[in-house]
C-alpha atoms as a PDB file:
ATOM      1  CA  MET A   1      -0.109  -0.221   0.251  1.00  0.00           C
ATOM      2  CA  SER A   2       2.952   2.252  -0.650  1.00  0.00           C
ATOM      3  CA  SER A   3       3.311   5.140  -3.261  1.00  0.00           C
ATOM      4  CA  GLY A   4       6.722   4.300  -3.388  1.00  0.00           C
ATOM      5  CA  ARG A   5       8.252   7.576  -2.604  1.00  0.00           C
ATOM      6  CA  SER A   6      11.725   7.122  -0.491  1.00  0.00           C
ATOM      7  CA  LEU A   7      12.014   8.993   2.685  1.00  0.00           C
ATOM      8  CA  SER A   8      15.207  11.237   2.971  1.00  0.00           C
ATOM      9  CA  GLY A   9      16.280  12.221   6.373  1.00  0.00           C
ATOM     10  CA  PRO A  10      15.331  16.002   5.663  1.00  0.00           C
ATOM     11  CA  HIS A  11      11.922  14.716   5.002  1.00  0.00           C
ATOM     12  CA  ILE A  12      11.532  12.942   8.002  1.00  0.00           C
ATOM     13  CA  LEU A  13      12.595  15.443  10.156  1.00  0.00           C
ATOM     14  CA  TRP A  14      10.327  17.863   8.468  1.00  0.00           C
ATOM     15  CA  SER A  15       7.102  15.444   9.278  1.00  0.00           C
ATOM     16  CA  GLY A  16       8.325  14.537  12.218  1.00  0.00           C
ATOM     17  CA  GLY A  17       8.823  18.462  13.403  1.00  0.00           C
ATOM     18  CA  HIS A  18       5.272  19.168  11.688  1.00  0.00           C
ATOM     19  CA  ALA A  19       4.224  15.896  13.809  1.00  0.00           C
ATOM     20  CA  LEU A  20       5.481  17.070  16.873  1.00  0.00           C
ATOM     21  CA  VAL A  21       3.898  20.244  16.591  1.00  0.00           C
ATOM     22  CA  VAL A  22       0.350  18.974  16.345  1.00  0.00           C
ATOM     23  CA  LEU A  23       0.631  16.566  19.169  1.00  0.00           C
ATOM     24  CA  ALA A  24       2.429  19.072  21.533  1.00  0.00           C
ATOM     25  CA  SER A  25      -0.454  21.562  20.623  1.00  0.00           C
ATOM     26  CA  LEU A  26      -2.786  18.979  20.960  1.00  0.00           C
ATOM     27  CA  TYR A  27      -1.587  18.538  24.732  1.00  0.00           C
ATOM     28  CA  GLU A  28      -1.485  22.032  24.928  1.00  0.00           C
ATOM     29  CA  LEU A  29      -4.783  22.914  24.701  1.00  0.00           C
ATOM     30  CA  PHE A  30      -6.161  19.852  26.624  1.00  0.00           C
ATOM     31  CA  ALA A  31      -4.421  20.776  29.309  1.00  0.00           C
ATOM     32  CA  VAL A  32      -6.077  24.705  28.586  1.00  0.00           C
ATOM     33  CA  LEU A  33      -9.843  23.465  28.614  1.00  0.00           C
ATOM     34  CA  THR A  34      -8.607  21.560  31.803  1.00  0.00           C
ATOM     35  CA  LEU A  35      -7.414  24.551  33.577  1.00  0.00           C
ATOM     36  CA  LYS A  36      -3.609  23.989  33.703  1.00  0.00           C
ATOM     37  CA  GLN A  37      -0.593  24.919  32.229  1.00  0.00           C
ATOM     38  CA  ALA A  38       1.701  23.002  30.334  1.00  0.00           C
ATOM     39  CA  PRO A  39       4.633  25.025  29.155  1.00  0.00           C
ATOM     40  CA  LYS A  40       7.318  22.283  28.263  1.00  0.00           C
ATOM     41  CA  ALA A  41       4.185  20.935  25.520  1.00  0.00           C
ATOM     42  CA  HIS A  42       4.233  24.652  24.386  1.00  0.00           C
ATOM     43  CA  ARG A  43       8.137  24.888  24.146  1.00  0.00           C
ATOM     44  CA  LEU A  44       8.010  21.071  22.303  1.00  0.00           C
ATOM     45  CA  ALA A  45       5.462  22.840  19.669  1.00  0.00           C
ATOM     46  CA  LEU A  46       7.592  25.313  18.869  1.00  0.00           C
ATOM     47  CA  THR A  47      10.726  22.882  18.097  1.00  0.00           C
ATOM     48  CA  GLY A  48       8.862  20.898  16.134  1.00  0.00           C
ATOM     49  CA  ALA A  49       8.065  24.293  14.469  1.00  0.00           C
ATOM     50  CA  LEU A  50      11.431  25.543  13.978  1.00  0.00           C
ATOM     51  CA  THR A  51      12.363  22.165  13.040  1.00  0.00           C
ATOM     52  CA  SER A  52      10.211  21.728   9.866  1.00  0.00           C
ATOM     53  CA  TRP A  53      10.633  25.708   8.596  1.00  0.00           C
ATOM     54  CA  GLY A  54      13.666  25.649   9.094  1.00  0.00           C
ATOM     55  CA  ILE A  55      14.741  22.569   7.005  1.00  0.00           C
ATOM     56  CA  VAL A  56      12.142  24.063   4.458  1.00  0.00           C
ATOM     57  CA  VAL A  57      14.285  28.159   4.359  1.00  0.00           C
ATOM     58  CA  PHE A  58      17.498  26.135   4.377  1.00  0.00           C
ATOM     59  CA  LYS A  59      16.040  24.361   1.085  1.00  0.00           C
ATOM     60  CA  ALA A  60      14.427  27.286  -0.470  1.00  0.00           C
ATOM     61  CA  LEU A  61      17.221  29.717   0.602  1.00  0.00           C
ATOM     62  CA  GLY A  62      20.336  28.188   1.381  1.00  0.00           C
ATOM     63  CA  VAL A  63      23.088  29.254   3.944  1.00  0.00           C
ATOM     64  CA  PRO A  64      21.903  32.892   5.570  1.00  0.00           C
ATOM     65  CA  GLN A  65      24.151  35.410   3.585  1.00  0.00           C
ATOM     66  CA  PRO A  66      24.641  38.965   5.251  1.00  0.00           C
ATOM     67  CA  ASN A  67      23.606  40.657   2.196  1.00  0.00           C
ATOM     68  CA  SER A  68      20.291  42.713   1.059  1.00  0.00           C
ATOM     69  CA  ALA A  69      19.821  40.667  -1.724  1.00  0.00           C
ATOM     70  CA  TYR A  70      19.108  37.441   0.883  1.00  0.00           C
ATOM     71  CA  VAL A  71      17.060  39.833   3.206  1.00  0.00           C
ATOM     72  CA  LYS A  72      14.769  40.822   0.900  1.00  0.00           C
ATOM     73  CA  ARG A  73      14.320  37.331  -0.344  1.00  0.00           C
ATOM     74  CA  ALA A  74      14.008  36.181   3.156  1.00  0.00           C
ATOM     75  CA  LEU A  75      11.751  38.967   3.752  1.00  0.00           C
ATOM     76  CA  LEU A  76       9.214  37.672   0.602  1.00  0.00           C
ATOM     77  CA  ASP A  77       9.845  34.215   2.031  1.00  0.00           C
ATOM     78  CA  GLU A  78       6.520  32.687   3.791  1.00  0.00           C
ATOM     79  CA  ASN A  79       8.392  30.123   5.482  1.00  0.00           C
ATOM     80  CA  ALA A  80      11.259  32.561   6.794  1.00  0.00           C
ATOM     81  CA  GLN A  81       8.687  34.849   8.228  1.00  0.00           C
ATOM     82  CA  TYR A  82       7.567  31.745  10.192  1.00  0.00           C
ATOM     83  CA  LEU A  83      10.722  30.834  11.189  1.00  0.00           C
ATOM     84  CA  LEU A  84      11.833  33.824  12.473  1.00  0.00           C
ATOM     85  CA  LEU A  85       8.423  34.308  14.375  1.00  0.00           C
ATOM     86  CA  VAL A  86       8.786  30.941  15.945  1.00  0.00           C
ATOM     87  CA  LEU A  87      12.307  31.964  16.582  1.00  0.00           C
ATOM     88  CA  TYR A  88      10.749  35.357  18.579  1.00  0.00           C
ATOM     89  CA  TRP A  89       7.805  33.099  20.405  1.00  0.00           C
ATOM     90  CA  TRP A  90      10.536  30.205  21.264  1.00  0.00           C
ATOM     91  CA  THR A  91      12.256  32.842  23.626  1.00  0.00           C
ATOM     92  CA  GLN A  92       9.078  34.243  25.334  1.00  0.00           C
ATOM     93  CA  LYS A  93       6.395  33.246  27.724  1.00  0.00           C
ATOM     94  CA  PRO A  94       3.989  30.667  26.585  1.00  0.00           C
ATOM     95  CA  ILE A  95       1.151  32.384  24.969  1.00  0.00           C
ATOM     96  CA  VAL A  96      -1.129  29.684  23.610  1.00  0.00           C
ATOM     97  CA  LEU A  97      -2.922  31.469  20.722  1.00  0.00           C
ATOM     98  CA  THR A  98       0.493  31.530  19.261  1.00  0.00           C
ATOM     99  CA  ILE A  99       0.840  27.996  18.818  1.00  0.00           C
ATOM    100  CA  LEU A 100      -2.161  27.711  16.810  1.00  0.00           C
ATOM    101  CA  PRO A 101      -1.353  28.504  13.041  1.00  0.00           C
ATOM    102  CA  PHE A 102       1.524  26.511  13.279  1.00  0.00           C
ATOM    103  CA  ALA A 103      -0.851  23.320  14.258  1.00  0.00           C
ATOM    104  CA  THR A 104      -3.179  24.549  11.725  1.00  0.00           C
ATOM    105  CA  PHE A 105      -0.693  24.599   8.914  1.00  0.00           C
ATOM    106  CA  SER A 106       1.364  20.914  10.461  1.00  0.00           C
ATOM    107  CA  ILE A 107      -2.237  19.307  10.135  1.00  0.00           C
ATOM    108  CA  PHE A 108      -2.285  19.969   6.158  1.00  0.00           C
ATOM    109  CA  HIS A 109       0.958  19.115   5.967  1.00  0.00           C
ATOM    110  CA  ILE A 110       0.726  15.410   7.546  1.00  0.00           C
ATOM    111  CA  LEU A 111      -2.556  14.963   6.110  1.00  0.00           C
ATOM    112  CA  THR A 112      -0.953  15.601   2.650  1.00  0.00           C
ATOM    113  CA  PHE A 113       2.373  13.679   3.964  1.00  0.00           C
ATOM    114  CA  VAL A 114       0.606  10.527   4.520  1.00  0.00           C
ATOM    115  CA  ARG A 115      -1.243  10.664   1.269  1.00  0.00           C
ATOM    116  CA  THR A 116       2.119  11.554  -1.395  1.00  0.00           C
ATOM    117  CA  THR A 117       4.196   8.912   0.690  1.00  0.00           C
ATOM    118  CA  PHE A 118       2.090   6.114   2.267  1.00  0.00           C
ATOM    119  CA  LEU A 119      -0.796   5.635   0.289  1.00  0.00           C
ATOM    120  CA  PRO A 120      -1.063   4.491  -3.687  1.00  0.00           C
ATOM    121  CA  LYS A 121      -2.724   7.312  -5.656  1.00  0.00           C
ATOM    122  CA  PRO A 122      -6.331   7.519  -6.742  1.00  0.00           C
ATOM    123  CA  PRO A 123      -6.947   6.879 -10.689  1.00  0.00           C
ATOM    124  CA  ALA A 124      -6.615  10.467 -12.364  1.00  0.00           C
ATOM    125  CA  ALA A 125      -8.785  11.611 -14.862  1.00  0.00           C
ATOM    126  CA  ALA A 126      -8.375  11.102 -18.577  1.00  0.00           C
ATOM    127  CA  LYS A 127      -6.300  13.382 -20.823  1.00  0.00           C
ATOM    128  CA  ASP A 128      -9.762  14.307 -23.018  1.00  0.00           C
ATOM    129  CA  GLY A 129     -11.549  15.114 -20.059  1.00  0.00           C
ATOM    130  CA  LYS A 130     -13.305  12.400 -18.446  1.00  0.00           C
ATOM    131  CA  THR A 131     -13.811  11.930 -15.090  1.00  0.00           C
ATOM    132  CA  ALA A 132     -11.699   9.951 -13.086  1.00  0.00           C
ATOM    133  CA  PRO A 133     -12.763   6.047 -12.482  1.00  0.00           C
ATOM    134  CA  ALA A 134     -13.468   5.624  -8.564  1.00  0.00           C
ATOM    135  CA  PRO A 135     -10.843   4.147  -6.754  1.00  0.00           C
ATOM    136  CA  THR A 136     -10.442   0.425  -6.032  1.00  0.00           C
ATOM    137  CA  SER A 137      -8.418  -0.654  -2.836  1.00  0.00           C
ATOM    138  CA  ALA A 138      -9.091   1.213   0.672  1.00  0.00           C
ATOM    139  CA  GLY A 139      -5.777   2.923   0.185  1.00  0.00           C
ATOM    140  CA  ALA A 140      -6.493   4.176  -2.820  1.00  0.00           C
ATOM    141  CA  GLN A 141      -9.951   5.633  -1.463  1.00  0.00           C
ATOM    142  CA  LEU A 142      -8.811   7.181   1.362  1.00  0.00           C
ATOM    143  CA  SER A 143      -6.189   8.632  -0.860  1.00  0.00           C
ATOM    144  CA  LYS A 144      -8.382  10.550  -2.000  1.00  0.00           C
ATOM    145  CA  GLN A 145     -10.479  11.448   0.853  1.00  0.00           C
ATOM    146  CA  ILE A 146      -7.408  13.220   2.217  1.00  0.00           C
ATOM    147  CA  GLN A 147      -7.048  14.873  -1.226  1.00  0.00           C
ATOM    148  CA  THR A 148     -10.621  16.035  -0.969  1.00  0.00           C
ATOM    149  CA  LEU A 149     -10.374  17.159   2.468  1.00  0.00           C
ATOM    150  CA  VAL A 150      -7.267  19.317   1.780  1.00  0.00           C
ATOM    151  CA  LYS A 151      -8.883  21.234  -1.509  1.00  0.00           C
ATOM    152  CA  THR A 152     -12.191  21.782   0.305  1.00  0.00           C
ATOM    153  CA  HIS A 153     -10.917  22.986   3.575  1.00  0.00           C
ATOM    154  CA  TYR A 154      -7.401  24.592   2.906  1.00  0.00           C
ATOM    155  CA  GLU A 155      -8.944  28.002   1.926  1.00  0.00           C
ATOM    156  CA  HIS A 156     -11.236  28.430   5.355  1.00  0.00           C
ATOM    157  CA  ALA A 157      -8.155  26.963   7.704  1.00  0.00           C
ATOM    158  CA  MET A 158      -5.980  29.708   6.343  1.00  0.00           C
ATOM    159  CA  LEU A 159      -8.747  32.127   6.693  1.00  0.00           C
ATOM    160  CA  PHE A 160      -9.219  31.052  10.084  1.00  0.00           C
ATOM    161  CA  VAL A 161      -5.134  31.300  10.906  1.00  0.00           C
ATOM    162  CA  SER A 162      -5.700  35.300   9.948  1.00  0.00           C
ATOM    163  CA  TYR A 163      -7.750  35.615  12.169  1.00  0.00           C
ATOM    164  CA  ILE A 164      -5.956  33.830  14.461  1.00  0.00           C
ATOM    165  CA  GLU A 165      -3.300  36.136  13.661  1.00  0.00           C
ATOM    166  CA  ILE A 166      -5.265  39.571  14.456  1.00  0.00           C
ATOM    167  CA  LEU A 167      -6.546  37.975  17.723  1.00  0.00           C
ATOM    168  CA  ILE A 168      -2.719  37.255  18.280  1.00  0.00           C
ATOM    169  CA  MET A 169      -2.152  40.940  17.918  1.00  0.00           C
ATOM    170  CA  LEU A 170      -4.833  42.316  20.256  1.00  0.00           C
ATOM    171  CA  ARG A 171      -3.748  39.692  22.732  1.00  0.00           C
ATOM    172  CA  VAL A 172       0.086  41.050  22.927  1.00  0.00           C
ATOM    173  CA  ILE A 173      -1.176  44.697  23.297  1.00  0.00           C
ATOM    174  CA  VAL A 174      -3.062  43.851  26.224  1.00  0.00           C
ATOM    175  CA  GLY A 175      -0.486  41.679  27.146  1.00  0.00           C
ATOM    176  CA  THR A 176       1.787  44.735  27.131  1.00  0.00           C
ATOM    177  CA  VAL A 177      -0.692  47.298  28.669  1.00  0.00           C
ATOM    178  CA  LEU A 178      -0.870  44.638  31.613  1.00  0.00           C
ATOM    179  CA  ARG A 179       2.703  43.394  31.366  1.00  0.00           C
ATOM    180  CA  TRP A 180       2.039  40.129  30.640  1.00  0.00           C
ATOM    181  CA  ASN A 181       5.011  40.459  27.968  1.00  0.00           C
ATOM    182  CA  SER A 182       7.626  42.230  26.366  1.00  0.00           C
ATOM    183  CA  PHE A 183       6.640  45.880  25.064  1.00  0.00           C
ATOM    184  CA  ILE A 184       8.439  44.698  21.410  1.00  0.00           C
ATOM    185  CA  ALA A 185       6.284  41.926  20.951  1.00  0.00           C
ATOM    186  CA  PRO A 186       3.645  43.997  19.577  1.00  0.00           C
ATOM    187  CA  ILE A 187       6.162  46.155  17.537  1.00  0.00           C
ATOM    188  CA  LEU A 188       7.407  42.855  15.842  1.00  0.00           C
ATOM    189  CA  PHE A 189       3.993  41.087  15.278  1.00  0.00           C
ATOM    190  CA  ALA A 190       3.148  44.520  13.826  1.00  0.00           C
ATOM    191  CA  GLY A 191       5.634  43.869  11.533  1.00  0.00           C
ATOM    192  CA  PHE A 192       4.836  40.155  10.470  1.00  0.00           C
ATOM    193  CA  LEU A 193       1.547  41.027  10.209  1.00  0.00           C
ATOM    194  CA  ARG A 194       1.992  44.065   7.944  1.00  0.00           C
ATOM    195  CA  LEU A 195       3.807  41.601   5.962  1.00  0.00           C
ATOM    196  CA  ARG A 196       1.573  39.196   6.213  1.00  0.00           C
ATOM    197  CA  PHE A 197      -1.337  41.619   4.656  1.00  0.00           C
ATOM    198  CA  TYR A 198       0.976  42.305   1.926  1.00  0.00           C
ATOM    199  CA  LEU A 199       1.643  39.153   0.678  1.00  0.00           C
ATOM    200  CA  SER A 200      -1.485  36.785   1.955  1.00  0.00           C
ATOM    201  CA  PRO A 201      -4.945  37.019   0.433  1.00  0.00           C
ATOM    202  CA  ALA A 202      -6.372  35.546   3.234  1.00  0.00           C
ATOM    203  CA  THR A 203      -5.384  37.918   5.419  1.00  0.00           C
ATOM    204  CA  ARG A 204      -6.420  40.882   3.682  1.00  0.00           C
ATOM    205  CA  LYS A 205      -9.737  38.955   3.209  1.00  0.00           C
ATOM    206  CA  ALA A 206      -9.953  38.846   6.948  1.00  0.00           C
ATOM    207  CA  PHE A 207      -9.195  42.729   7.550  1.00  0.00           C
ATOM    208  CA  ALA A 208     -11.496  43.308   5.283  1.00  0.00           C
ATOM    209  CA  SER A 209     -14.423  41.012   6.922  1.00  0.00           C
ATOM    210  CA  LEU A 210     -13.477  42.694  10.297  1.00  0.00           C
ATOM    211  CA  ASN A 211     -13.341  46.274   8.988  1.00  0.00           C
ATOM    212  CA  ALA A 212     -16.875  45.783   7.428  1.00  0.00           C
ATOM    213  CA  ARG A 213     -18.103  44.682  11.028  1.00  0.00           C
ATOM    214  CA  LEU A 214     -16.929  47.325  12.309  1.00  0.00           C
ATOM    215  CA  ASP A 215     -18.563  50.186  10.200  1.00  0.00           C
ATOM    216  CA  SER A 216     -21.856  48.105  10.921  1.00  0.00           C
ATOM    217  CA  ALA A 217     -20.745  48.378  14.388  1.00  0.00           C
ATOM    218  CA  LEU A 218     -20.012  52.550  14.487  1.00  0.00           C
ATOM    219  CA  ALA A 219     -23.147  52.942  12.138  1.00  0.00           C
ATOM    220  CA  HIS A 220     -25.158  52.376  15.563  1.00  0.00           C
ATOM    221  CA  GLN A 221     -26.666  55.618  16.534  1.00  0.00           C
ATOM    222  CA  SER A 222     -25.613  54.715  19.790  1.00  0.00           C
ATOM    223  CA  VAL A 223     -22.075  54.633  19.249  1.00  0.00           C
ATOM    224  CA  PRO A 224     -20.907  58.566  20.422  1.00  0.00           C
ATOM    225  CA  PRO A 225     -19.293  60.544  17.805  1.00  0.00           C
ATOM    226  CA  ALA A 226     -16.312  61.375  19.600  1.00  0.00           C
ATOM    227  CA  VAL A 227     -15.862  57.455  19.807  1.00  0.00           C
ATOM    228  CA  ARG A 228     -16.716  56.758  16.424  1.00  0.00           C
ATOM    229  CA  SER A 229     -14.518  59.588  15.212  1.00  0.00           C
ATOM    230  CA  GLY A 230     -11.099  58.092  17.476  1.00  0.00           C
ATOM    231  CA  VAL A 231     -11.783  54.194  16.205  1.00  0.00           C
ATOM    232  CA  ASN A 232     -11.580  55.789  12.578  1.00  0.00           C
ATOM    233  CA  THR A 233      -8.320  57.886  13.292  1.00  0.00           C
ATOM    234  CA  ALA A 234      -6.806  54.789  14.286  1.00  0.00           C
ATOM    235  CA  ARG A 235      -7.969  52.946  11.869  1.00  0.00           C
ATOM    236  CA  GLU A 236      -6.301  55.113   9.862  1.00  0.00           C
ATOM    237  CA  MET A 237      -3.116  54.766  11.002  1.00  0.00           C
ATOM    238  CA  ILE A 238      -3.399  50.865  10.633  1.00  0.00           C
ATOM    239  CA  ILE A 239      -4.209  51.264   7.306  1.00  0.00           C
ATOM    240  CA  ARG A 240      -1.237  53.671   6.689  1.00  0.00           C
ATOM    241  CA  PHE A 241       0.831  51.224   8.412  1.00  0.00           C
ATOM    242  CA  ALA A 242      -0.180  48.421   6.570  1.00  0.00           C
ATOM    243  CA  GLN A 243       0.369  50.472   3.154  1.00  0.00           C
ATOM    244  CA  SER A 244       3.855  51.470   3.898  1.00  0.00           C
ATOM    245  CA  SER A 245       6.661  49.037   2.772  1.00  0.00           C
ATOM    246  CA  ALA A 246       9.679  49.064   0.721  1.00  0.00           C
ATOM    247  CA  LEU A 247       9.688  45.682  -0.292  1.00  0.00           C
ATOM    248  CA  PRO A 248       9.134  44.836  -4.278  1.00  0.00           C
ATOM    249  CA  MET A 249       5.494  44.002  -5.267  1.00  0.00           C
ATOM    250  CA  PRO A 250       5.357  40.064  -5.672  1.00  0.00           C
ATOM    251  CA  GLN A 251       4.235  38.988  -8.937  1.00  0.00           C
ATOM    252  CA  GLY A 252       0.613  37.562  -9.095  1.00  0.00           C
ATOM    253  CA  ALA A 253       0.147  40.047  -6.170  1.00  0.00           C
ATOM    254  CA  ALA A 254      -1.567  43.348  -7.521  1.00  0.00           C
ATOM    255  CA  GLY A 255      -3.478  45.166  -5.505  1.00  0.00           C
ATOM    256  CA  ALA A 256      -2.205  43.338  -2.312  1.00  0.00           C
ATOM    257  CA  GLN A 257      -1.707  46.786  -0.569  1.00  0.00           C
ATOM    258  CA  ALA A 258      -5.053  47.970  -1.878  1.00  0.00           C
ATOM    259  CA  ALA A 259      -6.165  48.081   2.059  1.00  0.00           C
ATOM    260  CA  PRO A 260     -10.416  48.183   3.163  1.00  0.00           C
ATOM    261  CA  ARG A 261     -10.947  51.787   3.156  1.00  0.00           C
ATOM    262  CA  PRO A 262     -13.166  52.643   6.594  1.00  0.00           C
ATOM    263  CA  ALA A 263     -16.115  54.113   5.922  1.00  0.00           C
ATOM    264  CA  GLY A 264     -16.208  57.888   7.636  1.00  0.00           C
ATOM    265  CA  ALA A 265     -12.462  58.165   7.270  1.00  0.00           C
ATOM    266  CA  ALA A 266     -10.174  59.313   3.960  1.00  0.00           C
ATOM    267  CA  GLY A 267     -11.727  57.292   1.274  1.00  0.00           C
ATOM    268  CA  GLY A 268     -14.482  54.784   1.213  1.00  0.00           C
ATOM    269  CA  ALA A 269      -4.508  35.159   5.090  1.00  0.00           C
ATOM    270  CA  GLY A 270       8.835  21.721   1.583  1.00  0.00           C
ATOM    271  CA  ALA A 271       8.010  18.617   0.870  1.00  0.00           C
ATOM    272  CA  GLY A 272       4.565  17.419   0.852  1.00  0.00           C
ATOM    273  CA  ALA A 273       3.263  20.361   1.307  1.00  0.00           C
ATOM    274  CA  ALA A 274      -0.469  21.408   1.063  1.00  0.00           C
ATOM    275  CA  PRO A 275      -1.493  23.235  -2.088  1.00  0.00           C
ATOM    276  CA  ASN A 276       0.153  26.898  -1.911  1.00  0.00           C
ATOM    277  CA  ALA A 277       0.778  25.971   1.502  1.00  0.00           C
ATOM    278  CA  ARG A 278       2.602  28.076   3.953  1.00  0.00           C
ATOM    279  CA  ARG A 279       5.073  25.751   4.999  1.00  0.00           C
END
C-alpha cells in the first residue's frame, strides 16, 4: 500500500517536526481546557515548528548570507517569516494562541505527507477530460478522501489562521499594557502582520471582513461621535502602516497594498506541502 516514494533524512525530520507540533499543541490545548498550564508542551510544539520550517527555509534559501539580496528574499518568503516568528516565540513566555497557526499548517502538511508518501495514488482523470474512475483499493479511496478534504478546507483553514493572527496582535497589545509580555512583542508582531497583509490574500480578506463589521457597529446610533471619530482615526493609522512597504510587489499580488478603506474616514490570509501552503 505504499506509493513508492523514498524518504530522505531531512524529509523525515520535516514530517516529524510537524507531527510534534500537532501532538504537543493538542496536549497544551487539553491542558488549557482543564485549567492547567503546559509550558513544556508549548516549547515542544515550537521546537517542532523550528525543525520543520527551518528545513524548508534552508532548502529554499540556502545558507544565510549577510547581504541585502538575501534579506529581501527572506522577507518575501512566507516560510522564512514564520521561522523568524517561531524563533521569537521560543524565547518568550508561552502564549497559547501563538501555537494555533503552526498547528493548523502542520495538520495539512501531515495529511498531505501521508497521502503522497504512504498511500497509492487514486486513478487520474483521462486526458480527454472524462471523470476519473472511482478508486478500487481501500488505500486509494483513503488517498482520494484526504485529497478532497485538503482541497475543500484549505482556504477556510488559512482564513482561520488569519483571524487567529489578528487576535494574537490584540493579545500582545493587551499583554503589554498588563505587563504579561514584553513591549517589543506588539512591535515585532505588527511588522509580521504587515507582511502577512502584503503577501496573503487570506489576511487581507480577514481584515476586510473585520473592517466591514466595525463599520456596521460604528453606524449604530448609540455610538458617541467622539468614539466613532477616534476609532476611524486609529483605523486610518493602521491602514497607512499596512500600506507602507519598501519591498517590491510580488508577482501576481496586484492590489495587495490596497487596504480596505473605512467608511467615514479618508476614502471610502517543503516537501509534501498542501497547495500554496505556508510551510
